[in-house]
N, C-alpha and C. Protein backbone atom coordinates (compact mmCIF):
# COMPACT_ATOMS: atom_id res chain seq x y z
N MET A 1 8.31 21.82 -5.74
CA MET A 1 9.36 22.42 -6.19
C MET A 1 9.79 22.76 -7.42
N ALA A 2 8.97 22.06 -8.37
CA ALA A 2 9.10 22.27 -9.90
C ALA A 2 8.74 23.73 -10.31
N PRO A 3 7.74 24.32 -9.54
CA PRO A 3 7.66 25.92 -9.92
C PRO A 3 8.80 26.70 -9.60
N ALA A 4 9.25 26.35 -8.45
CA ALA A 4 10.69 27.25 -7.94
C ALA A 4 11.80 26.92 -8.95
N VAL A 5 12.08 25.82 -9.53
CA VAL A 5 12.91 25.51 -10.53
C VAL A 5 12.78 26.23 -11.84
N ILE A 6 11.49 26.06 -12.29
CA ILE A 6 11.25 26.60 -13.69
C ILE A 6 11.34 28.12 -13.23
N TRP A 7 10.83 28.86 -12.22
CA TRP A 7 11.08 30.35 -12.03
C TRP A 7 12.64 30.45 -12.00
N MET A 8 13.20 29.57 -11.43
CA MET A 8 14.86 30.02 -11.44
C MET A 8 15.48 30.07 -12.94
N TYR A 9 14.94 28.98 -13.67
CA TYR A 9 15.52 28.81 -14.95
C TYR A 9 15.15 30.04 -15.85
N TYR A 10 13.86 30.39 -15.49
CA TYR A 10 13.35 31.59 -16.38
C TYR A 10 14.18 32.81 -15.96
N SER A 11 14.43 33.05 -14.79
CA SER A 11 14.75 34.32 -14.49
C SER A 11 16.39 34.32 -14.51
N GLY A 12 17.17 33.33 -15.02
CA GLY A 12 18.33 33.28 -15.33
C GLY A 12 19.27 32.60 -14.43
N GLY A 13 18.97 32.02 -13.32
CA GLY A 13 19.86 31.59 -12.27
C GLY A 13 19.90 30.02 -12.60
N THR A 14 20.46 29.71 -13.75
CA THR A 14 20.59 28.25 -14.32
C THR A 14 21.37 27.45 -13.33
N LEU A 15 22.47 27.78 -12.87
CA LEU A 15 23.34 27.07 -11.82
C LEU A 15 22.43 26.59 -10.64
N TRP A 16 21.90 27.70 -10.06
CA TRP A 16 21.17 27.36 -8.76
C TRP A 16 19.90 26.74 -9.09
N ALA A 17 19.10 26.72 -10.14
CA ALA A 17 18.19 25.89 -10.74
C ALA A 17 18.41 24.39 -10.83
N THR A 18 19.59 24.35 -11.37
CA THR A 18 20.15 22.82 -11.78
C THR A 18 20.49 22.25 -10.36
N VAL A 19 21.07 23.09 -9.38
CA VAL A 19 21.37 22.55 -8.21
C VAL A 19 20.07 22.10 -7.54
N LEU A 20 19.15 23.01 -7.47
CA LEU A 20 17.68 22.67 -6.76
C LEU A 20 16.98 21.34 -7.45
N LEU A 21 17.06 21.27 -8.73
CA LEU A 21 16.50 20.37 -9.49
C LEU A 21 17.11 18.76 -9.07
N ALA A 22 18.64 18.86 -9.04
CA ALA A 22 19.05 17.79 -8.54
C ALA A 22 18.82 17.52 -7.06
N PHE A 23 18.69 18.32 -6.15
CA PHE A 23 18.38 18.06 -4.88
C PHE A 23 16.96 17.57 -4.87
N THR A 24 16.13 18.14 -5.42
CA THR A 24 14.76 17.60 -5.57
C THR A 24 14.72 16.37 -5.96
N ILE A 25 15.28 15.88 -6.98
CA ILE A 25 15.08 14.42 -7.66
C ILE A 25 15.84 13.61 -6.51
N VAL A 26 16.98 13.76 -6.19
CA VAL A 26 17.52 12.82 -4.95
C VAL A 26 16.71 12.79 -3.76
N ALA A 27 16.24 13.95 -3.30
CA ALA A 27 15.13 13.80 -2.17
C ALA A 27 14.06 13.04 -2.37
N ALA A 28 13.32 13.33 -3.57
CA ALA A 28 12.12 12.52 -3.89
C ALA A 28 12.37 11.14 -3.83
N THR A 29 13.42 10.79 -4.55
CA THR A 29 13.75 9.56 -4.78
C THR A 29 14.02 8.62 -3.46
N MET A 30 14.77 9.09 -2.67
CA MET A 30 15.12 8.77 -1.38
C MET A 30 13.87 8.59 -0.74
N ASP A 31 12.96 9.50 -0.51
CA ASP A 31 11.88 9.54 0.29
C ASP A 31 10.75 8.52 -0.13
N GLN A 32 10.87 7.90 -1.43
CA GLN A 32 9.97 6.98 -2.16
C GLN A 32 10.35 5.67 -1.46
N PHE A 33 11.67 5.40 -1.30
CA PHE A 33 12.18 4.25 -0.71
C PHE A 33 12.34 4.08 0.88
N ILE A 34 12.83 5.24 1.43
CA ILE A 34 13.00 5.25 2.79
C ILE A 34 11.71 5.21 3.59
N ARG A 35 10.65 5.92 3.23
CA ARG A 35 9.44 6.04 3.81
C ARG A 35 8.83 4.46 4.03
N PRO A 36 8.79 3.51 3.08
CA PRO A 36 8.21 2.46 3.46
C PRO A 36 8.93 1.50 4.35
N VAL A 37 10.27 1.67 4.47
CA VAL A 37 11.09 0.84 5.21
C VAL A 37 10.93 1.44 6.50
N LEU A 38 11.04 2.66 6.87
CA LEU A 38 10.48 3.23 8.44
C LEU A 38 9.16 2.73 8.61
N ILE A 39 7.99 2.76 7.93
CA ILE A 39 6.75 2.35 8.22
C ILE A 39 6.92 0.91 8.56
N ARG A 40 7.51 0.05 7.85
CA ARG A 40 7.62 -1.28 7.93
C ARG A 40 8.26 -1.60 9.46
N ARG A 41 9.34 -0.68 9.83
CA ARG A 41 9.73 -0.85 11.24
C ARG A 41 8.59 -0.92 12.30
N GLY A 42 7.82 -0.06 12.22
CA GLY A 42 6.68 0.10 13.14
C GLY A 42 5.72 -0.86 13.02
N ALA A 43 5.48 -1.78 12.17
CA ALA A 43 4.44 -2.71 11.82
C ALA A 43 4.73 -4.24 11.40
N ASP A 44 4.03 -5.14 11.80
CA ASP A 44 4.52 -6.18 11.17
C ASP A 44 3.46 -6.56 9.87
N LEU A 45 3.95 -6.07 8.81
CA LEU A 45 3.25 -6.25 7.50
C LEU A 45 4.26 -6.41 6.48
N PRO A 46 3.84 -7.06 5.54
CA PRO A 46 5.02 -7.29 4.31
C PRO A 46 5.20 -5.92 3.64
N MET A 47 6.39 -5.87 3.37
CA MET A 47 6.88 -4.67 2.55
C MET A 47 6.15 -4.21 1.39
N LEU A 48 5.85 -5.48 0.52
CA LEU A 48 5.04 -4.99 -0.55
C LEU A 48 3.71 -4.54 -0.47
N LEU A 49 3.16 -4.90 0.74
CA LEU A 49 1.71 -4.21 1.26
C LEU A 49 2.22 -2.54 1.38
N ILE A 50 3.14 -2.61 2.32
CA ILE A 50 3.38 -1.15 2.73
C ILE A 50 3.72 -0.18 1.45
N LEU A 51 4.36 -0.71 0.54
CA LEU A 51 4.78 -0.09 -0.78
C LEU A 51 3.64 0.36 -1.50
N ALA A 52 2.70 -0.60 -1.69
CA ALA A 52 1.46 -0.47 -2.42
C ALA A 52 0.58 0.56 -1.83
N GLY A 53 0.65 0.49 -0.35
CA GLY A 53 -0.04 1.62 0.51
C GLY A 53 0.31 3.15 0.10
N VAL A 54 1.66 2.94 0.04
CA VAL A 54 2.09 4.47 0.06
C VAL A 54 2.07 4.86 -1.26
N ILE A 55 2.25 4.14 -2.40
CA ILE A 55 2.17 4.46 -3.83
C ILE A 55 0.68 4.67 -4.06
N GLY A 56 -0.27 3.82 -3.72
CA GLY A 56 -1.57 3.81 -4.19
C GLY A 56 -2.23 5.00 -3.39
N GLY A 57 -1.90 5.05 -2.08
CA GLY A 57 -2.39 6.33 -1.27
C GLY A 57 -2.10 7.71 -1.87
N LEU A 58 -0.74 7.63 -2.52
CA LEU A 58 -0.20 8.94 -3.01
C LEU A 58 -0.90 9.19 -4.34
N VAL A 59 -1.32 8.07 -5.13
CA VAL A 59 -2.21 8.40 -6.44
C VAL A 59 -3.44 8.83 -6.40
N ALA A 60 -4.11 8.02 -5.32
CA ALA A 60 -5.55 8.25 -5.10
C ALA A 60 -6.01 9.45 -4.21
N PHE A 61 -5.19 9.97 -3.19
CA PHE A 61 -5.44 10.81 -2.12
C PHE A 61 -4.36 12.14 -2.31
N GLY A 62 -3.23 11.94 -3.08
CA GLY A 62 -2.28 13.12 -3.03
C GLY A 62 -1.39 13.05 -2.00
N ILE A 63 -0.87 14.15 -1.44
CA ILE A 63 0.19 14.15 -0.46
C ILE A 63 -0.25 13.33 0.90
N LEU A 64 -1.67 13.55 1.21
CA LEU A 64 -2.34 13.12 2.45
C LEU A 64 -2.33 11.46 2.30
N GLY A 65 -2.59 10.92 1.10
CA GLY A 65 -2.64 9.52 0.84
C GLY A 65 -1.28 8.82 1.20
N ILE A 66 -0.20 9.67 1.32
CA ILE A 66 0.96 8.75 1.95
C ILE A 66 0.70 8.04 3.16
N PHE A 67 -0.17 8.85 3.99
CA PHE A 67 -0.42 8.21 5.50
C PHE A 67 -1.90 7.41 5.39
N ILE A 68 -2.66 7.85 4.56
CA ILE A 68 -3.98 7.28 4.46
C ILE A 68 -3.81 5.80 3.86
N GLY A 69 -3.04 5.64 2.66
CA GLY A 69 -3.05 4.53 2.07
C GLY A 69 -2.29 3.26 3.02
N PRO A 70 -1.31 3.47 3.42
CA PRO A 70 -0.62 2.36 4.35
C PRO A 70 -1.53 1.87 5.44
N THR A 71 -2.50 3.02 6.06
CA THR A 71 -3.00 2.79 7.16
C THR A 71 -4.35 1.86 6.98
N VAL A 72 -4.89 2.18 5.57
CA VAL A 72 -6.03 1.56 5.22
C VAL A 72 -5.79 0.12 5.02
N LEU A 73 -4.66 -0.04 4.39
CA LEU A 73 -4.18 -1.55 4.05
C LEU A 73 -3.75 -2.30 4.95
N ALA A 74 -3.44 -1.60 6.07
CA ALA A 74 -2.91 -2.33 7.33
C ALA A 74 -4.06 -2.68 8.23
N VAL A 75 -4.92 -2.05 8.30
CA VAL A 75 -6.24 -2.23 8.93
C VAL A 75 -6.82 -3.44 8.15
N ALA A 76 -7.07 -3.40 6.83
CA ALA A 76 -7.73 -4.29 6.09
C ALA A 76 -6.70 -5.66 6.36
N TYR A 77 -5.56 -5.67 6.15
CA TYR A 77 -4.63 -7.00 6.09
C TYR A 77 -4.72 -7.59 7.60
N THR A 78 -4.68 -6.55 8.62
CA THR A 78 -4.97 -7.27 10.06
C THR A 78 -6.30 -7.75 10.33
N LEU A 79 -7.16 -7.18 9.54
CA LEU A 79 -8.74 -7.53 9.93
C LEU A 79 -8.84 -8.89 9.04
N LEU A 80 -8.29 -9.04 7.90
CA LEU A 80 -8.39 -10.15 6.83
C LEU A 80 -7.67 -11.32 7.67
N ASN A 81 -6.59 -11.07 8.20
CA ASN A 81 -5.72 -12.33 9.03
C ASN A 81 -6.67 -12.72 10.18
N ALA A 82 -7.16 -11.81 10.99
CA ALA A 82 -7.77 -12.13 12.22
C ALA A 82 -8.98 -12.99 11.79
N TRP A 83 -9.72 -12.66 10.69
CA TRP A 83 -10.96 -13.30 10.11
C TRP A 83 -10.61 -14.81 9.80
N MET A 84 -9.45 -14.92 8.99
CA MET A 84 -9.03 -16.16 8.55
C MET A 84 -8.45 -17.00 9.65
N ALA A 85 -8.02 -16.42 10.69
CA ALA A 85 -7.46 -17.21 11.85
C ALA A 85 -8.71 -17.70 12.81
N ASP A 86 -9.74 -16.91 12.69
CA ASP A 86 -10.99 -17.25 13.29
C ASP A 86 -11.78 -18.37 12.91
N GLY A 87 -11.52 -18.46 11.61
CA GLY A 87 -12.05 -19.53 10.87
C GLY A 87 -11.53 -20.84 11.12
N ASP A 88 -10.16 -20.77 11.08
CA ASP A 88 -9.32 -21.96 11.40
C ASP A 88 -9.60 -22.71 12.90
N ASP A 89 -10.03 -21.84 13.75
CA ASP A 89 -10.20 -22.34 15.24
C ASP A 89 -11.54 -23.05 15.19
N ARG A 90 -12.53 -22.89 14.49
CA ARG A 90 -13.68 -23.58 14.58
C ARG A 90 -13.61 -24.93 13.97
N GLU A 91 -14.56 -25.86 14.81
CA GLU A 91 -14.26 -27.28 14.07
C GLU A 91 -15.46 -27.34 13.09
N PRO A 92 -15.09 -28.13 12.11
CA PRO A 92 -16.16 -28.27 10.92
C PRO A 92 -17.46 -28.91 11.60
N PRO A 93 -18.65 -28.60 11.10
CA PRO A 93 -19.92 -29.13 11.75
C PRO A 93 -20.21 -30.78 11.44
N GLY A 94 -20.55 -31.42 12.45
CA GLY A 94 -20.71 -32.76 12.35
C GLY A 94 -19.63 -33.77 12.96
N GLU A 95 -18.56 -32.93 13.31
CA GLU A 95 -17.32 -33.75 14.11
C GLU A 95 -17.22 -33.39 15.48
N THR A 96 -18.27 -32.77 15.99
CA THR A 96 -18.39 -32.43 17.50
C THR A 96 -18.99 -33.69 18.11
N PRO A 97 -18.51 -34.14 19.33
CA PRO A 97 -18.68 -35.34 19.82
C PRO A 97 -20.18 -34.83 20.65
């Protein structure tokens, strides 16, 4: 949206450019906060992990990273929890009868 706002300011439509800029800022800010909450509803993961996945994915992969980041972190988190739970089920050596 930034190129459209710049073009509108340049062409003289300052009122509509300001309206578009305000709408873009509000929409982008809401998107950054609402998307992790909606992702959290579908998965039993900590909110901080989802937020880190969204932001990290966005930084690393661009717009596609919004989906890649939380997915990779969710899979890693689930595998790590399963691996740690599997280790708790085993009895220490030497204590078996």
